[in-house]
Amino acid sequence: MLGKEIKGSIVEAVLVEQMVDFEDEYYISITMDARTKMPMLMFSACGGVDIEQVAASSPEKIARVLIDPLIGLQSFHVEKMCTTAGIGDKAVKKQLMDGAAKLYKLYTEYDAW
């Protein structure tokens, strides 16, 4: 993979991590909503490997929350995301808040608008 071109960019590095056991698999992303021109937090408790299939067959299983760039990601965004996705466990919510905050920081710092 190193040195190959993918979508016009040369792969310069690959991150390799140790495999870990997990209980649940989630999908979380931040993308630009074309309609509102605002960042949108997307989340699914259905995992991330076949998220396109989930979006096509069961779009209601993907929580979508718009983020006003003037205030940034707030805890109520993640709370709404969890409520929509049926996540009630406080420990899981805390982990999702931490992960979403880090993802949003990357999104803004690397100007992924």
PDB file of N, CA and C in Angstrom:
ATOM      1  N   MET A   1       0.822  -1.177   0.000  1.00  0.00           N
ATOM      2  CA  MET A   1       0.000   0.000   0.000  1.00  0.00           C
ATOM      3  C   MET A   1       0.878   1.257   0.000  1.00  0.00           C
ATOM      4  N   LEU A   2       2.010   1.199   0.689  1.00  0.00           N
ATOM      5  CA  LEU A   2       2.907   2.346   0.728  1.00  0.00           C
ATOM      6  C   LEU A   2       3.368   2.714  -0.672  1.00  0.00           C
ATOM      7  N   GLY A   3       3.337   3.988  -0.973  1.00  0.00           N
ATOM      8  CA  GLY A   3       3.778   4.472  -2.274  1.00  0.00           C
ATOM      9  C   GLY A   3       2.726   4.416  -3.357  1.00  0.00           C
ATOM     10  N   LYS A   4       1.604   3.778  -3.094  1.00  0.00           N
ATOM     11  CA  LYS A   4       0.535   3.680  -4.092  1.00  0.00           C
ATOM     12  C   LYS A   4      -0.299   4.951  -4.085  1.00  0.00           C
ATOM     13  N   GLU A   5      -0.937   5.212  -5.196  1.00  0.00           N
ATOM     14  CA  GLU A   5      -1.802   6.373  -5.317  1.00  0.00           C
ATOM     15  C   GLU A   5      -3.252   5.961  -5.076  1.00  0.00           C
ATOM     16  N   ILE A   6      -3.920   6.694  -4.188  1.00  0.00           N
ATOM     17  CA  ILE A   6      -5.332   6.465  -3.904  1.00  0.00           C
ATOM     18  C   ILE A   6      -6.036   7.801  -4.016  1.00  0.00           C
ATOM     19  N   LYS A   7      -6.967   7.881  -4.961  1.00  0.00           N
ATOM     20  CA  LYS A   7      -7.741   9.114  -5.172  1.00  0.00           C
ATOM     21  C   LYS A   7      -6.840  10.337  -5.308  1.00  0.00           C
ATOM     22  N   GLY A   8      -5.755  10.194  -6.050  1.00  0.00           N
ATOM     23  CA  GLY A   8      -4.885  11.318  -6.342  1.00  0.00           C
ATOM     24  C   GLY A   8      -3.834  11.622  -5.294  1.00  0.00           C
ATOM     25  N   SER A   9      -3.766  10.847  -4.219  1.00  0.00           N
ATOM     26  CA  SER A   9      -2.768  11.071  -3.169  1.00  0.00           C
ATOM     27  C   SER A   9      -1.902   9.834  -3.006  1.00  0.00           C
ATOM     28  N   ILE A  10      -0.621  10.070  -2.764  1.00  0.00           N
ATOM     29  CA  ILE A  10       0.312   8.971  -2.539  1.00  0.00           C
ATOM     30  C   ILE A  10       0.272   8.579  -1.056  1.00  0.00           C
ATOM     31  N   VAL A  11       0.162   7.287  -0.796  1.00  0.00           N
ATOM     32  CA  VAL A  11       0.160   6.784   0.573  1.00  0.00           C
ATOM     33  C   VAL A  11       1.590   6.870   1.102  1.00  0.00           C
ATOM     34  N   GLU A  12       1.786   7.694   2.138  1.00  0.00           N
ATOM     35  CA  GLU A  12       3.120   7.897   2.707  1.00  0.00           C
ATOM     36  C   GLU A  12       3.314   7.157   4.021  1.00  0.00           C
ATOM     37  N   ALA A  13       2.227   6.795   4.674  1.00  0.00           N
ATOM     38  CA  ALA A  13       2.336   6.116   5.959  1.00  0.00           C
ATOM     39  C   ALA A  13       1.102   5.250   6.178  1.00  0.00           C
ATOM     40  N   VAL A  14       1.271   4.219   6.967  1.00  0.00           N
ATOM     41  CA  VAL A  14       0.166   3.325   7.331  1.00  0.00           C
ATOM     42  C   VAL A  14       0.227   3.131   8.843  1.00  0.00           C
ATOM     43  N   LEU A  15      -0.900   3.300   9.500  1.00  0.00           N
ATOM     44  CA  LEU A  15      -0.971   3.097  10.944  1.00  0.00           C
ATOM     45  C   LEU A  15      -1.362   1.646  11.201  1.00  0.00           C
ATOM     46  N   VAL A  16      -0.547   0.958  11.973  1.00  0.00           N
ATOM     47  CA  VAL A  16      -0.819  -0.427  12.338  1.00  0.00           C
ATOM     48  C   VAL A  16      -1.009  -0.465  13.849  1.00  0.00           C
ATOM     49  N   GLU A  17      -2.128  -1.017  14.280  1.00  0.00           N
ATOM     50  CA  GLU A  17      -2.454  -1.098  15.706  1.00  0.00           C
ATOM     51  C   GLU A  17      -2.653  -2.555  16.102  1.00  0.00           C
ATOM     52  N   GLN A  18      -2.430  -2.828  17.363  1.00  0.00           N
ATOM     53  CA  GLN A  18      -2.676  -4.157  17.900  1.00  0.00           C
ATOM     54  C   GLN A  18      -4.175  -4.411  17.918  1.00  0.00           C
ATOM     55  N   MET A  19      -4.584  -5.596  17.527  1.00  0.00           N
ATOM     56  CA  MET A  19      -5.992  -5.959  17.554  1.00  0.00           C
ATOM     57  C   MET A  19      -6.462  -6.087  19.001  1.00  0.00           C
ATOM     58  N   VAL A  20      -7.651  -5.590  19.271  1.00  0.00           N
ATOM     59  CA  VAL A  20      -8.218  -5.682  20.610  1.00  0.00           C
ATOM     60  C   VAL A  20      -9.598  -6.330  20.536  1.00  0.00           C
ATOM     61  N   ASP A  21      -9.960  -6.996  21.616  1.00  0.00           N
ATOM     62  CA  ASP A  21     -11.304  -7.558  21.696  1.00  0.00           C
ATOM     63  C   ASP A  21     -12.295  -6.426  21.931  1.00  0.00           C
ATOM     64  N   PHE A  22     -13.487  -6.562  21.407  1.00  0.00           N
ATOM     65  CA  PHE A  22     -14.500  -5.539  21.615  1.00  0.00           C
ATOM     66  C   PHE A  22     -15.863  -6.194  21.770  1.00  0.00           C
ATOM     67  N   GLU A  23     -16.754  -5.485  22.441  1.00  0.00           N
ATOM     68  CA  GLU A  23     -18.110  -5.979  22.649  1.00  0.00           C
ATOM     69  C   GLU A  23     -19.059  -5.471  21.579  1.00  0.00           C
ATOM     70  N   ASP A  24     -18.904  -4.191  21.218  1.00  0.00           N
ATOM     71  CA  ASP A  24     -19.790  -3.563  20.245  1.00  0.00           C
ATOM     72  C   ASP A  24     -18.953  -2.790  19.236  1.00  0.00           C
ATOM     73  N   GLU A  25     -19.510  -2.623  18.052  1.00  0.00           N
ATOM     74  CA  GLU A  25     -18.847  -1.857  17.009  1.00  0.00           C
ATOM     75  C   GLU A  25     -19.778  -0.734  16.589  1.00  0.00           C
ATOM     76  N   TYR A  26     -19.249   0.484  16.577  1.00  0.00           N
ATOM     77  CA  TYR A  26     -20.032   1.651  16.204  1.00  0.00           C
ATOM     78  C   TYR A  26     -19.412   2.330  14.990  1.00  0.00           C
ATOM     79  N   TYR A  27     -20.213   3.132  14.326  1.00  0.00           N
ATOM     80  CA  TYR A  27     -19.730   3.990  13.249  1.00  0.00           C
ATOM     81  C   TYR A  27     -19.946   5.418  13.692  1.00  0.00           C
ATOM     82  N   ILE A  28     -18.918   6.264  13.570  1.00  0.00           N
ATOM     83  CA  ILE A  28     -19.055   7.679  13.891  1.00  0.00           C
ATOM     84  C   ILE A  28     -18.219   8.470  12.890  1.00  0.00           C
ATOM     85  N   SER A  29     -18.785   9.561  12.412  1.00  0.00           N
ATOM     86  CA  SER A  29     -18.049  10.411  11.482  1.00  0.00           C
ATOM     87  C   SER A  29     -18.584  11.832  11.576  1.00  0.00           C
ATOM     88  N   ILE A  30     -17.815  12.746  11.030  1.00  0.00           N
ATOM     89  CA  ILE A  30     -18.264  14.116  10.851  1.00  0.00           C
ATOM     90  C   ILE A  30     -18.039  14.450   9.387  1.00  0.00           C
ATOM     91  N   THR A  31     -19.074  14.954   8.760  1.00  0.00           N
ATOM     92  CA  THR A  31     -19.001  15.320   7.357  1.00  0.00           C
ATOM     93  C   THR A  31     -19.713  16.651   7.162  1.00  0.00           C
ATOM     94  N   MET A  32     -19.526  17.251   6.016  1.00  0.00           N
ATOM     95  CA  MET A  32     -20.212  18.507   5.715  1.00  0.00           C
ATOM     96  C   MET A  32     -21.576  18.184   5.111  1.00  0.00           C
ATOM     97  N   ASP A  33     -22.628  18.733   5.700  1.00  0.00           N
ATOM     98  CA  ASP A  33     -23.971  18.564   5.164  1.00  0.00           C
ATOM     99  C   ASP A  33     -24.139  19.552   4.012  1.00  0.00           C
ATOM    100  N   ALA A  34     -24.326  19.051   2.813  1.00  0.00           N
ATOM    101  CA  ALA A  34     -24.393  19.902   1.623  1.00  0.00           C
ATOM    102  C   ALA A  34     -25.587  20.856   1.658  1.00  0.00           C
ATOM    103  N   ARG A  35     -26.680  20.421   2.246  1.00  0.00           N
ATOM    104  CA  ARG A  35     -27.890  21.256   2.270  1.00  0.00           C
ATOM    105  C   ARG A  35     -27.736  22.460   3.184  1.00  0.00           C
ATOM    106  N   THR A  36     -27.226  22.245   4.397  1.00  0.00           N
ATOM    107  CA  THR A  36     -27.139  23.324   5.386  1.00  0.00           C
ATOM    108  C   THR A  36     -25.768  23.993   5.420  1.00  0.00           C
ATOM    109  N   LYS A  37     -24.777  23.369   4.786  1.00  0.00           N
ATOM    110  CA  LYS A  37     -23.387  23.862   4.816  1.00  0.00           C
ATOM    111  C   LYS A  37     -22.840  23.901   6.248  1.00  0.00           C
ATOM    112  N   MET A  38     -23.272  22.931   7.050  1.00  0.00           N
ATOM    113  CA  MET A  38     -22.815  22.815   8.439  1.00  0.00           C
ATOM    114  C   MET A  38     -22.244  21.414   8.662  1.00  0.00           C
ATOM    115  N   PRO A  39     -21.305  21.292   9.598  1.00  0.00           N
ATOM    116  CA  PRO A  39     -20.811  19.950   9.935  1.00  0.00           C
ATOM    117  C   PRO A  39     -21.950  19.093  10.483  1.00  0.00           C
ATOM    118  N   MET A  40     -21.903  17.819  10.154  1.00  0.00           N
ATOM    119  CA  MET A  40     -22.930  16.897  10.631  1.00  0.00           C
ATOM    120  C   MET A  40     -22.249  15.694  11.275  1.00  0.00           C
ATOM    121  N   LEU A  41     -22.617  15.437  12.517  1.00  0.00           N
ATOM    122  CA  LEU A  41     -22.165  14.263  13.242  1.00  0.00           C
ATOM    123  C   LEU A  41     -23.064  13.105  12.841  1.00  0.00           C
ATOM    124  N   MET A  42     -22.455  12.014  12.388  1.00  0.00           N
ATOM    125  CA  MET A  42     -23.228  10.830  12.000  1.00  0.00           C
ATOM    126  C   MET A  42     -22.782   9.664  12.871  1.00  0.00           C
ATOM    127  N   PHE A  43     -23.758   8.869  13.305  1.00  0.00           N
ATOM    128  CA  PHE A  43     -23.463   7.763  14.212  1.00  0.00           C
ATOM    129  C   PHE A  43     -24.422   6.612  13.958  1.00  0.00           C
ATOM    130  N   SER A  44     -23.902   5.401  14.063  1.00  0.00           N
ATOM    131  CA  SER A  44     -24.745   4.215  13.997  1.00  0.00           C
ATOM    132  C   SER A  44     -24.206   3.167  14.957  1.00  0.00           C
ATOM    133  N   ALA A  45     -25.107   2.540  15.669  1.00  0.00           N
ATOM    134  CA  ALA A  45     -24.742   1.428  16.551  1.00  0.00           C
ATOM    135  C   ALA A  45     -24.637   0.129  15.769  1.00  0.00           C
ATOM    136  N   CYS A  46     -24.804   0.195  14.451  1.00  0.00           N
ATOM    137  CA  CYS A  46     -24.740  -0.997  13.592  1.00  0.00           C
ATOM    138  C   CYS A  46     -23.340  -1.274  13.072  1.00  0.00           C
ATOM    139  N   GLY A  47     -22.351  -0.622  13.614  1.00  0.00           N
ATOM    140  CA  GLY A  47     -20.982  -0.881  13.186  1.00  0.00           C
ATOM    141  C   GLY A  47     -20.581  -0.025  12.009  1.00  0.00           C
ATOM    142  N   GLY A  48     -19.359  -0.215  11.538  1.00  0.00           N
ATOM    143  CA  GLY A  48     -18.835   0.653  10.512  1.00  0.00           C
ATOM    144  C   GLY A  48     -18.413  -0.031   9.233  1.00  0.00           C
ATOM    145  N   VAL A  49     -18.333  -1.346   9.227  1.00  0.00           N
ATOM    146  CA  VAL A  49     -17.817  -2.035   8.066  1.00  0.00           C
ATOM    147  C   VAL A  49     -18.747  -1.897   6.867  1.00  0.00           C
ATOM    148  N   ASP A  50     -20.017  -2.070   7.049  1.00  0.00           N
ATOM    149  CA  ASP A  50     -20.974  -2.002   5.950  1.00  0.00           C
ATOM    150  C   ASP A  50     -21.931  -0.841   6.138  1.00  0.00           C
ATOM    151  N   ILE A  51     -21.415   0.327   6.518  1.00  0.00           N
ATOM    152  CA  ILE A  51     -22.283   1.461   6.819  1.00  0.00           C
ATOM    153  C   ILE A  51     -23.077   1.906   5.591  1.00  0.00           C
ATOM    154  N   GLU A  52     -22.515   1.759   4.405  1.00  0.00           N
ATOM    155  CA  GLU A  52     -23.249   2.129   3.195  1.00  0.00           C
ATOM    156  C   GLU A  52     -24.483   1.257   3.021  1.00  0.00           C
ATOM    157  N   GLN A  53     -24.354  -0.023   3.361  1.00  0.00           N
ATOM    158  CA  GLN A  53     -25.489  -0.935   3.280  1.00  0.00           C
ATOM    159  C   GLN A  53     -26.545  -0.563   4.319  1.00  0.00           C
ATOM    160  N   VAL A  54     -26.107  -0.197   5.524  1.00  0.00           N
ATOM    161  CA  VAL A  54     -27.043   0.246   6.560  1.00  0.00           C
ATOM    162  C   VAL A  54     -27.782   1.492   6.086  1.00  0.00           C
ATOM    163  N   ALA A  55     -27.046   2.435   5.502  1.00  0.00           N
ATOM    164  CA  ALA A  55     -27.656   3.677   5.011  1.00  0.00           C
ATOM    165  C   ALA A  55     -28.699   3.398   3.935  1.00  0.00           C
ATOM    166  N   ALA A  56     -28.434   2.422   3.074  1.00  0.00           N
ATOM    167  CA  ALA A  56     -29.373   2.103   1.989  1.00  0.00           C
ATOM    168  C   ALA A  56     -30.584   1.325   2.483  1.00  0.00           C
ATOM    169  N   SER A  57     -30.366   0.368   3.383  1.00  0.00           N
ATOM    170  CA  SER A  57     -31.469  -0.506   3.795  1.00  0.00           C
ATOM    171  C   SER A  57     -32.218  -0.027   5.034  1.00  0.00           C
ATOM    172  N   SER A  58     -31.531   0.659   5.941  1.00  0.00           N
ATOM    173  CA  SER A  58     -32.150   1.100   7.193  1.00  0.00           C
ATOM    174  C   SER A  58     -31.635   2.495   7.583  1.00  0.00           C
ATOM    175  N   PRO A  59     -31.948   3.524   6.810  1.00  0.00           N
ATOM    176  CA  PRO A  59     -31.407   4.866   7.099  1.00  0.00           C
ATOM    177  C   PRO A  59     -31.790   5.393   8.478  1.00  0.00           C
ATOM    178  N   GLU A  60     -32.858   4.888   9.051  1.00  0.00           N
ATOM    179  CA  GLU A  60     -33.277   5.337  10.384  1.00  0.00           C
ATOM    180  C   GLU A  60     -32.301   4.881  11.471  1.00  0.00           C
ATOM    181  N   LYS A  61     -31.410   3.944  11.143  1.00  0.00           N
ATOM    182  CA  LYS A  61     -30.438   3.457  12.112  1.00  0.00           C
ATOM    183  C   LYS A  61     -29.172   4.317  12.153  1.00  0.00           C
ATOM    184  N   ILE A  62     -29.169   5.397  11.376  1.00  0.00           N
ATOM    185  CA  ILE A  62     -28.041   6.327  11.395  1.00  0.00           C
ATOM    186  C   ILE A  62     -28.520   7.652  11.974  1.00  0.00           C
ATOM    187  N   ALA A  63     -27.950   8.023  13.112  1.00  0.00           N
ATOM    188  CA  ALA A  63     -28.287   9.304  13.741  1.00  0.00           C
ATOM    189  C   ALA A  63     -27.491  10.401  13.043  1.00  0.00           C
ATOM    190  N   ARG A  64     -28.168  11.491  12.730  1.00  0.00           N
ATOM    191  CA  ARG A  64     -27.526  12.638  12.083  1.00  0.00           C
ATOM    192  C   ARG A  64     -27.820  13.879  12.917  1.00  0.00           C
ATOM    193  N   VAL A  65     -26.760  14.571  13.348  1.00  0.00           N
ATOM    194  CA  VAL A  65     -26.913  15.758  14.196  1.00  0.00           C
ATOM    195  C   VAL A  65     -26.073  16.886  13.597  1.00  0.00           C
ATOM    196  N   LEU A  66     -26.735  17.998  13.263  1.00  0.00           N
ATOM    197  CA  LEU A  66     -26.022  19.156  12.729  1.00  0.00           C
ATOM    198  C   LEU A  66     -25.294  19.890  13.851  1.00  0.00           C
ATOM    199  N   ILE A  67     -24.114  20.407  13.541  1.00  0.00           N
ATOM    200  CA  ILE A  67     -23.296  21.136  14.506  1.00  0.00           C
ATOM    201  C   ILE A  67     -23.125  22.569  14.005  1.00  0.00           C
ATOM    202  N   ASP A  68     -23.597  23.524  14.772  1.00  0.00           N
ATOM    203  CA  ASP A  68     -23.409  24.928  14.427  1.00  0.00           C
ATOM    204  C   ASP A  68     -21.927  25.248  14.613  1.00  0.00           C
ATOM    205  N   PRO A  69     -21.222  25.649  13.548  1.00  0.00           N
ATOM    206  CA  PRO A  69     -19.785  25.909  13.685  1.00  0.00           C
ATOM    207  C   PRO A  69     -19.463  27.079  14.614  1.00  0.00           C
ATOM    208  N   LEU A  70     -20.436  27.928  14.912  1.00  0.00           N
ATOM    209  CA  LEU A  70     -20.188  29.040  15.826  1.00  0.00           C
ATOM    210  C   LEU A  70     -20.048  28.585  17.279  1.00  0.00           C
ATOM    211  N   ILE A  71     -20.666  27.445  17.612  1.00  0.00           N
ATOM    212  CA  ILE A  71     -20.541  26.934  18.987  1.00  0.00           C
ATOM    213  C   ILE A  71     -19.751  25.634  19.047  1.00  0.00           C
ATOM    214  N   GLY A  72     -19.564  24.977  17.911  1.00  0.00           N
ATOM    215  CA  GLY A  72     -18.819  23.727  17.879  1.00  0.00           C
ATOM    216  C   GLY A  72     -19.594  22.576  18.491  1.00  0.00           C
ATOM    217  N   LEU A  73     -18.923  21.455  18.596  1.00  0.00           N
ATOM    218  CA  LEU A  73     -19.539  20.255  19.171  1.00  0.00           C
ATOM    219  C   LEU A  73     -19.781  20.457  20.659  1.00  0.00           C
ATOM    220  N   GLN A  74     -20.992  20.180  21.099  1.00  0.00           N
ATOM    221  CA  GLN A  74     -21.378  20.312  22.498  1.00  0.00           C
ATOM    222  C   GLN A  74     -21.909  18.961  22.993  1.00  0.00           C
ATOM    223  N   SER A  75     -21.967  18.819  24.311  1.00  0.00           N
ATOM    224  CA  SER A  75     -22.437  17.550  24.877  1.00  0.00           C
ATOM    225  C   SER A  75     -23.873  17.240  24.458  1.00  0.00           C
ATOM    226  N   PHE A  76     -24.707  18.272  24.238  1.00  0.00           N
ATOM    227  CA  PHE A  76     -26.093  17.996  23.845  1.00  0.00           C
ATOM    228  C   PHE A  76     -26.164  17.384  22.447  1.00  0.00           C
ATOM    229  N   HIS A  77     -25.160  17.648  21.596  1.00  0.00           N
ATOM    230  CA  HIS A  77     -25.127  16.997  20.282  1.00  0.00           C
ATOM    231  C   HIS A  77     -24.964  15.481  20.439  1.00  0.00           C
ATOM    232  N   VAL A  78     -24.025  15.100  21.305  1.00  0.00           N
ATOM    233  CA  VAL A  78     -23.767  13.673  21.522  1.00  0.00           C
ATOM    234  C   VAL A  78     -24.941  13.036  22.252  1.00  0.00           C
ATOM    235  N   GLU A  79     -25.550  13.759  23.173  1.00  0.00           N
ATOM    236  CA  GLU A  79     -26.733  13.245  23.872  1.00  0.00           C
ATOM    237  C   GLU A  79     -27.856  12.958  22.874  1.00  0.00           C
ATOM    238  N   LYS A  80     -28.083  13.879  21.951  1.00  0.00           N
ATOM    239  CA  LYS A  80     -29.111  13.679  20.922  1.00  0.00           C
ATOM    240  C   LYS A  80     -28.757  12.487  20.045  1.00  0.00           C
ATOM    241  N   MET A  81     -27.482  12.382  19.671  1.00  0.00           N
ATOM    242  CA  MET A  81     -27.015  11.267  18.857  1.00  0.00           C
ATOM    243  C   MET A  81     -27.281   9.946  19.572  1.00  0.00           C
ATOM    244  N   CYS A  82     -26.941   9.879  20.863  1.00  0.00           N
ATOM    245  CA  CYS A  82     -27.138   8.646  21.636  1.00  0.00           C
ATOM    246  C   CYS A  82     -28.615   8.308  21.790  1.00  0.00           C
ATOM    247  N   THR A  83     -29.437   9.316  22.058  1.00  0.00           N
ATOM    248  CA  THR A  83     -30.881   9.097  22.190  1.00  0.00           C
ATOM    249  C   THR A  83     -31.451   8.532  20.899  1.00  0.00           C
ATOM    250  N   THR A  84     -31.076   9.135  19.781  1.00  0.00           N
ATOM    251  CA  THR A  84     -31.568   8.680  18.475  1.00  0.00           C
ATOM    252  C   THR A  84     -31.134   7.246  18.200  1.00  0.00           C
ATOM    253  N   ALA A  85     -29.905   6.908  18.602  1.00  0.00           N
ATOM    254  CA  ALA A  85     -29.364   5.573  18.338  1.00  0.00           C
ATOM    255  C   ALA A  85     -29.734   4.548  19.408  1.00  0.00           C
ATOM    256  N   GLY A  86     -30.415   4.987  20.479  1.00  0.00           N
ATOM    257  CA  GLY A  86     -30.827   4.054  21.527  1.00  0.00           C
ATOM    258  C   GLY A  86     -29.716   3.672  22.483  1.00  0.00           C
ATOM    259  N   ILE A  87     -28.711   4.534  22.622  1.00  0.00           N
ATOM    260  CA  ILE A  87     -27.605   4.284  23.553  1.00  0.00           C
ATOM    261  C   ILE A  87     -27.954   4.955  24.883  1.00  0.00           C
ATOM    262  N   GLY A  88     -28.091   4.164  25.944  1.00  0.00           N
ATOM    263  CA  GLY A  88     -28.458   4.715  27.235  1.00  0.00           C
ATOM    264  C   GLY A  88     -27.384   4.588  28.299  1.00  0.00           C
ATOM    265  N   ASP A  89     -26.435   3.698  28.090  1.00  0.00           N
ATOM    266  CA  ASP A  89     -25.387   3.441  29.073  1.00  0.00           C
ATOM    267  C   ASP A  89     -24.488   4.669  29.234  1.00  0.00           C
ATOM    268  N   LYS A  90     -24.359   5.164  30.480  1.00  0.00           N
ATOM    269  CA  LYS A  90     -23.591   6.390  30.739  1.00  0.00           C
ATOM    270  C   LYS A  90     -22.117   6.238  30.387  1.00  0.00           C
ATOM    271  N   ALA A  91     -21.537   5.069  30.640  1.00  0.00           N
ATOM    272  CA  ALA A  91     -20.123   4.855  30.336  1.00  0.00           C
ATOM    273  C   ALA A  91     -19.884   4.898  28.827  1.00  0.00           C
ATOM    274  N   VAL A  92     -20.797   4.315  28.075  1.00  0.00           N
ATOM    275  CA  VAL A  92     -20.685   4.335  26.615  1.00  0.00           C
ATOM    276  C   VAL A  92     -20.853   5.769  26.111  1.00  0.00           C
ATOM    277  N   LYS A  93     -21.818   6.493  26.671  1.00  0.00           N
ATOM    278  CA  LYS A  93     -22.020   7.900  26.282  1.00  0.00           C
ATOM    279  C   LYS A  93     -20.757   8.716  26.527  1.00  0.00           C
ATOM    280  N   LYS A  94     -20.100   8.483  27.658  1.00  0.00           N
ATOM    281  CA  LYS A  94     -18.871   9.204  27.986  1.00  0.00           C
ATOM    282  C   LYS A  94     -17.786   8.914  26.959  1.00  0.00           C
ATOM    283  N   GLN A  95     -17.635   7.649  26.595  1.00  0.00           N
ATOM    284  CA  GLN A  95     -16.644   7.273  25.590  1.00  0.00           C
ATOM    285  C   GLN A  95     -16.982   7.901  24.237  1.00  0.00           C
ATOM    286  N   LEU A  96     -18.256   7.927  23.893  1.00  0.00           N
ATOM    287  CA  LEU A  96     -18.664   8.527  22.630  1.00  0.00           C
ATOM    288  C   LEU A  96     -18.427  10.032  22.632  1.00  0.00           C
ATOM    289  N   MET A  97     -18.663  10.686  23.774  1.00  0.00           N
ATOM    290  CA  MET A  97     -18.391  12.119  23.867  1.00  0.00           C
ATOM    291  C   MET A  97     -16.908  12.390  23.671  1.00  0.00           C
ATOM    292  N   ASP A  98     -16.068  11.600  24.339  1.00  0.00           N
ATOM    293  CA  ASP A  98     -14.623  11.771  24.203  1.00  0.00           C
ATOM    294  C   ASP A  98     -14.184  11.551  22.755  1.00  0.00           C
ATOM    295  N   GLY A  99     -14.683  10.491  22.154  1.00  0.00           N
ATOM    296  CA  GLY A  99     -14.321  10.190  20.764  1.00  0.00           C
ATOM    297  C   GLY A  99     -14.826  11.245  19.792  1.00  0.00           C
ATOM    298  N   ALA A 100     -16.063  11.683  19.984  1.00  0.00           N
ATOM    299  CA  ALA A 100     -16.636  12.706  19.096  1.00  0.00           C
ATOM    300  C   ALA A 100     -15.885  14.023  19.243  1.00  0.00           C
ATOM    301  N   ALA A 101     -15.485  14.382  20.462  1.00  0.00           N
ATOM    302  CA  ALA A 101     -14.739  15.619  20.687  1.00  0.00           C
ATOM    303  C   ALA A 101     -13.386  15.569  19.969  1.00  0.00           C
ATOM    304  N   LYS A 102     -12.707  14.446  20.050  1.00  0.00           N
ATOM    305  CA  LYS A 102     -11.419  14.293  19.360  1.00  0.00           C
ATOM    306  C   LYS A 102     -11.611  14.336  17.846  1.00  0.00           C
ATOM    307  N   LEU A 103     -12.650  13.693  17.367  1.00  0.00           N
ATOM    308  CA  LEU A 103     -12.935  13.689  15.933  1.00  0.00           C
ATOM    309  C   LEU A 103     -13.252  15.097  15.439  1.00  0.00           C
ATOM    310  N   TYR A 104     -14.044  15.847  16.206  1.00  0.00           N
ATOM    311  CA  TYR A 104     -14.390  17.214  15.815  1.00  0.00           C
ATOM    312  C   TYR A 104     -13.152  18.114  15.829  1.00  0.00           C
ATOM    313  N   LYS A 105     -12.282  17.897  16.801  1.00  0.00           N
ATOM    314  CA  LYS A 105     -11.037  18.671  16.858  1.00  0.00           C
ATOM    315  C   LYS A 105     -10.206  18.418  15.601  1.00  0.00           C
ATOM    316  N   LEU A 106     -10.073  17.173  15.211  1.00  0.00           N
ATOM    317  CA  LEU A 106      -9.356  16.852  13.973  1.00  0.00           C
ATOM    318  C   LEU A 106     -10.040  17.484  12.767  1.00  0.00           C
ATOM    319  N   TYR A 107     -11.355  17.402  12.736  1.00  0.00           N
ATOM    320  CA  TYR A 107     -12.142  17.952  11.624  1.00  0.00           C
ATOM    321  C   TYR A 107     -11.877  19.445  11.454  1.00  0.00           C
ATOM    322  N   THR A 108     -11.840  20.170  12.561  1.00  0.00           N
ATOM    323  CA  THR A 108     -11.634  21.621  12.475  1.00  0.00           C
ATOM    324  C   THR A 108     -10.165  21.980  12.296  1.00  0.00           C
ATOM    325  N   GLU A 109      -9.260  21.306  13.007  1.00  0.00           N
ATOM    326  CA  GLU A 109      -7.830  21.633  12.903  1.00  0.00           C
ATOM    327  C   GLU A 109      -7.263  21.353  11.525  1.00  0.00           C
ATOM    328  N   TYR A 110      -7.762  20.315  10.873  1.00  0.00           N
ATOM    329  CA  TYR A 110      -7.258  19.974   9.543  1.00  0.00           C
ATOM    330  C   TYR A 110      -8.141  20.532   8.440  1.00  0.00           C
ATOM    331  N   ASP A 111      -9.013  21.481   8.825  1.00  0.00           N
ATOM    332  CA  ASP A 111      -9.822  22.226   7.868  1.00  0.00           C
ATOM    333  C   ASP A 111     -10.559  21.283   6.902  1.00  0.00           C
ATOM    334  N   ALA A 112     -11.231  20.308   7.477  1.00  0.00           N
ATOM    335  CA  ALA A 112     -11.939  19.308   6.667  1.00  0.00           C
ATOM    336  C   ALA A 112     -13.322  19.782   6.233  1.00  0.00           C
ATOM    337  N   TRP A 113     -13.560  21.076   6.307  1.00  0.00           N
ATOM    338  CA  TRP A 113     -14.849  21.628   5.930  1.00  0.00           C
ATOM    339  C   TRP A 113     -15.093  21.296   4.488  1.00  0.00           C
TER     340      TRP A 113
END
